[in-house]
Amino acid sequence: MLKRLLFVVVVGFGAYQWWGIEREIIHPPGMIAPHDPVQTSIADAISFEHKGYTLTPLLRFEAEARVLGREDYAFDRESDLAPIDLALGWGPMSDGAILDEIDISQSNRFYWWEVSTFPISRREIETNSANMHLIPATDEIEDQLRRVRKGHVVAFKGFLVKALAADKWRWQSSLTRDDTGSGACELVWVEEISVN
């Protein structure tokens, strides 16, 4: 009897945890993250080591955006550095009325969207949203990222980076807001984050 009760408690707790992470934060219509991410140059970028990789800051980066989706990774090589990807939207792509018309998904380190009728132009969708690979600078920041849900507004600061391993494996951030497809994602070293 005790084993059965313990089993029910464990399963119930797991379901509660899963439901809490999967449940979307709902907002009234309107832009809730109106500003574009900001990239600024770095005078003297200094490379540093993190988890066996050499990271080189490319640009200082700051963003406030609505979470359109979140995907956790544990088994690809990139998960050593970036265990969490967030699909993020700002400007019109932070407006729930527009997002209601767009189907959004993530897989294999990509962010996908689909529409039956465009609520805004294709270019506005492409330039006001992105999939970002996030490298938490500390365990505390990783813990915060693991609590992020679809619909949250996240504000974070750090750097767009290039990663290099001893075996010459490389991973480099996009440095522009208007690219699409392979290589268009940002690789972000996250030093500060707030979640609302």
Protein backbone atom coordinates (compact mmCIF):
# COMPACT_ATOMS: atom_id res chain seq x y z
CA MET A 1 0.00 0.00 0.00
CA LEU A 2 2.81 2.42 0.90
CA LYS A 3 4.61 1.66 -2.39
CA ARG A 4 1.43 2.35 -4.35
CA LEU A 5 0.88 5.65 -2.51
CA LEU A 6 4.50 6.66 -3.10
CA PHE A 7 4.14 5.79 -6.80
CA VAL A 8 1.00 7.94 -7.09
CA VAL A 9 2.73 10.86 -5.34
CA VAL A 10 5.81 10.63 -7.60
CA VAL A 11 3.75 10.38 -10.79
CA GLY A 12 1.49 13.21 -9.64
CA PHE A 13 4.45 15.45 -8.86
CA GLY A 14 6.03 14.69 -12.23
CA ALA A 15 2.77 15.49 -14.04
CA TYR A 16 2.45 18.74 -12.10
CA GLN A 17 6.02 19.73 -12.99
CA TRP A 18 5.47 18.89 -16.67
CA TRP A 19 2.16 20.76 -16.79
CA GLY A 20 3.73 23.80 -15.12
CA ILE A 21 6.51 23.97 -17.73
CA GLU A 22 4.21 23.27 -20.68
CA ARG A 23 1.45 25.69 -19.69
CA GLU A 24 1.56 28.91 -21.71
CA ILE A 25 1.51 32.36 -20.11
CA ILE A 26 -1.46 34.24 -21.60
CA HIS A 27 -1.41 38.00 -22.31
CA PRO A 28 -4.03 40.36 -23.71
CA PRO A 29 -3.54 41.42 -27.38
CA GLY A 30 -0.81 43.97 -28.08
CA MET A 31 2.97 44.10 -28.31
CA ILE A 32 4.53 43.16 -24.99
CA ALA A 33 8.17 43.35 -26.14
CA PRO A 34 8.23 46.27 -28.58
CA HIS A 35 11.98 46.83 -29.04
CA ASP A 36 14.49 45.08 -31.31
CA PRO A 37 17.45 43.29 -29.70
CA VAL A 38 20.52 45.50 -29.42
CA GLN A 39 23.99 44.49 -30.62
CA THR A 40 27.03 46.66 -29.94
CA SER A 41 30.67 46.23 -30.83
CA ILE A 42 33.35 45.20 -28.35
CA ALA A 43 36.65 47.09 -28.33
CA ASP A 44 38.91 44.30 -27.11
CA ALA A 45 37.19 40.91 -27.03
CA ILE A 46 38.97 38.40 -24.82
CA SER A 47 38.39 34.69 -25.37
CA PHE A 48 37.72 32.50 -22.34
CA GLU A 49 37.29 28.82 -21.49
CA HIS A 50 33.94 27.29 -20.59
CA LYS A 51 33.26 23.56 -20.19
CA GLY A 52 36.23 22.64 -22.35
CA TYR A 53 35.41 25.10 -25.14
CA THR A 54 37.02 28.40 -26.06
CA LEU A 55 34.37 31.11 -26.36
CA THR A 56 35.10 34.37 -28.14
CA PRO A 57 32.69 37.29 -27.68
CA LEU A 58 31.75 38.80 -31.06
CA LEU A 59 29.23 41.48 -30.09
CA ARG A 60 27.61 42.64 -26.88
CA PHE A 61 23.95 41.56 -26.95
CA GLU A 62 20.82 42.60 -25.10
CA ALA A 63 17.23 41.56 -25.73
CA GLU A 64 13.75 41.67 -24.30
CA ALA A 65 11.40 39.29 -26.07
CA ARG A 66 8.33 37.11 -25.77
CA VAL A 67 8.99 33.39 -25.58
CA LEU A 68 7.35 31.73 -28.59
CA GLY A 69 8.69 28.30 -27.73
CA ARG A 70 11.32 26.48 -25.72
CA GLU A 71 13.22 23.30 -26.48
CA ASP A 72 15.63 21.49 -24.16
CA TYR A 73 18.56 19.49 -25.51
CA ALA A 74 20.63 16.86 -23.74
CA PHE A 75 22.05 14.49 -26.32
CA ASP A 76 23.57 16.55 -29.13
CA ARG A 77 27.07 17.94 -28.99
CA GLU A 78 25.80 21.48 -28.70
CA SER A 79 23.95 20.67 -25.47
CA ASP A 80 27.30 20.70 -23.63
CA LEU A 81 27.22 24.46 -24.13
CA ALA A 82 23.60 25.41 -24.84
CA PRO A 83 21.12 23.05 -23.20
CA ILE A 84 18.13 25.30 -23.98
CA ASP A 85 16.91 27.05 -27.13
CA LEU A 86 14.28 29.75 -26.97
CA ALA A 87 12.27 30.86 -29.99
CA LEU A 88 11.76 34.55 -29.30
CA GLY A 89 9.63 37.32 -30.77
CA TRP A 90 9.65 41.09 -30.42
CA GLY A 91 7.75 43.95 -32.02
CA PRO A 92 4.75 42.54 -33.90
CA MET A 93 5.93 39.00 -33.09
CA SER A 94 5.24 39.68 -29.40
CA ASP A 95 1.59 40.50 -30.09
CA GLY A 96 -0.76 37.68 -29.10
CA ALA A 97 -3.32 38.68 -31.73
CA ILE A 98 -0.71 38.09 -34.45
CA LEU A 99 0.73 34.97 -32.82
CA ASP A 100 -2.74 33.40 -32.73
CA GLU A 101 -2.48 33.21 -36.54
CA ILE A 102 0.97 31.56 -36.60
CA ASP A 103 1.81 27.93 -35.76
CA ILE A 104 5.25 27.75 -34.13
CA SER A 105 7.41 24.71 -33.38
CA GLN A 106 11.04 23.83 -32.65
CA SER A 107 13.20 20.80 -33.41
CA ASN A 108 16.80 19.93 -34.25
CA ARG A 109 18.01 23.38 -33.17
CA PHE A 110 15.62 25.15 -35.58
CA TYR A 111 12.50 27.24 -35.08
CA TRP A 112 9.67 26.71 -37.56
CA TRP A 113 6.56 28.75 -38.30
CA GLU A 114 3.56 28.19 -40.54
CA VAL A 115 0.54 30.28 -41.48
CA SER A 116 -2.60 29.74 -43.51
CA THR A 117 -2.98 33.51 -44.04
CA PHE A 118 -0.23 36.00 -43.22
CA PRO A 119 -1.27 38.31 -40.33
CA ILE A 120 1.87 40.36 -41.10
CA SER A 121 4.36 40.05 -43.94
CA ARG A 122 6.80 37.12 -44.20
CA ARG A 123 9.68 39.57 -43.77
CA GLU A 124 8.19 40.99 -40.56
CA ILE A 125 7.90 37.47 -39.15
CA GLU A 126 11.51 36.68 -40.15
CA THR A 127 13.06 39.90 -38.83
CA ASN A 128 11.08 40.10 -35.58
CA SER A 129 11.74 36.58 -34.34
CA ALA A 130 14.63 34.17 -33.96
CA ASN A 131 15.73 30.90 -32.45
CA MET A 132 18.47 31.51 -29.89
CA HIS A 133 20.89 28.94 -28.47
CA LEU A 134 21.52 30.07 -24.89
CA ILE A 135 24.72 29.36 -22.97
CA PRO A 136 24.07 30.03 -19.28
CA ALA A 137 27.07 31.66 -17.61
CA THR A 138 26.12 30.19 -14.20
CA ASP A 139 24.07 27.37 -12.72
CA GLU A 140 21.63 29.95 -11.37
CA ILE A 141 21.00 31.34 -14.86
CA GLU A 142 20.49 27.79 -16.18
CA ASP A 143 17.94 27.19 -13.41
CA GLN A 144 16.08 30.36 -14.42
CA LEU A 145 16.09 29.29 -18.08
CA ARG A 146 14.66 25.90 -17.15
CA ARG A 147 11.66 27.64 -15.55
CA VAL A 148 10.88 29.72 -18.67
CA ARG A 149 7.56 28.95 -20.35
CA LYS A 150 5.93 29.92 -23.61
CA GLY A 151 4.46 33.40 -23.20
CA HIS A 152 6.98 34.63 -20.65
CA VAL A 153 8.83 37.85 -21.42
CA VAL A 154 12.55 37.39 -20.91
CA ALA A 155 15.15 40.14 -20.73
CA PHE A 156 18.77 39.13 -20.91
CA LYS A 157 22.26 40.52 -21.47
CA GLY A 158 25.49 38.92 -22.57
CA PHE A 159 27.43 38.34 -25.78
CA LEU A 160 27.01 36.75 -29.17
CA VAL A 161 29.86 34.27 -29.29
CA LYS A 162 31.92 31.86 -31.34
CA ALA A 163 32.74 28.49 -29.75
CA LEU A 164 35.76 26.37 -30.63
CA ALA A 165 36.70 22.91 -29.31
CA ALA A 166 40.12 21.27 -29.19
CA ASP A 167 39.09 18.94 -32.04
CA LYS A 168 38.39 22.02 -34.26
CA TRP A 169 34.59 21.75 -33.90
CA ARG A 170 33.11 25.23 -34.27
CA TRP A 171 29.79 26.93 -33.59
CA GLN A 172 29.27 30.60 -34.36
CA SER A 173 26.43 32.99 -33.75
CA SER A 174 24.60 34.85 -36.46
CA LEU A 175 25.42 38.55 -36.28
CA THR A 176 22.46 39.94 -38.18
CA ARG A 177 18.72 40.22 -37.61
CA ASP A 178 17.66 39.58 -41.21
CA ASP A 179 19.11 36.16 -42.05
CA THR A 180 17.11 32.93 -42.21
CA GLY A 181 17.79 29.21 -42.43
CA SER A 182 20.89 27.30 -41.34
CA GLY A 183 23.35 29.50 -39.46
CA ALA A 184 20.76 32.20 -38.75
CA CYS A 185 20.39 31.45 -35.03
CA GLU A 186 22.07 33.45 -32.31
CA LEU A 187 24.52 31.73 -29.96
CA VAL A 188 24.28 33.80 -26.78
CA TRP A 189 26.43 33.75 -23.65
CA VAL A 190 23.85 34.82 -21.05
CA GLU A 191 25.27 36.76 -18.08
CA GLU A 192 22.03 38.30 -16.75
CA ILE A 193 18.39 37.30 -17.16
CA SER A 194 15.01 38.25 -15.80
CA VAL A 195 11.76 36.42 -16.49
CA ASN A 196 8.31 38.01 -16.34
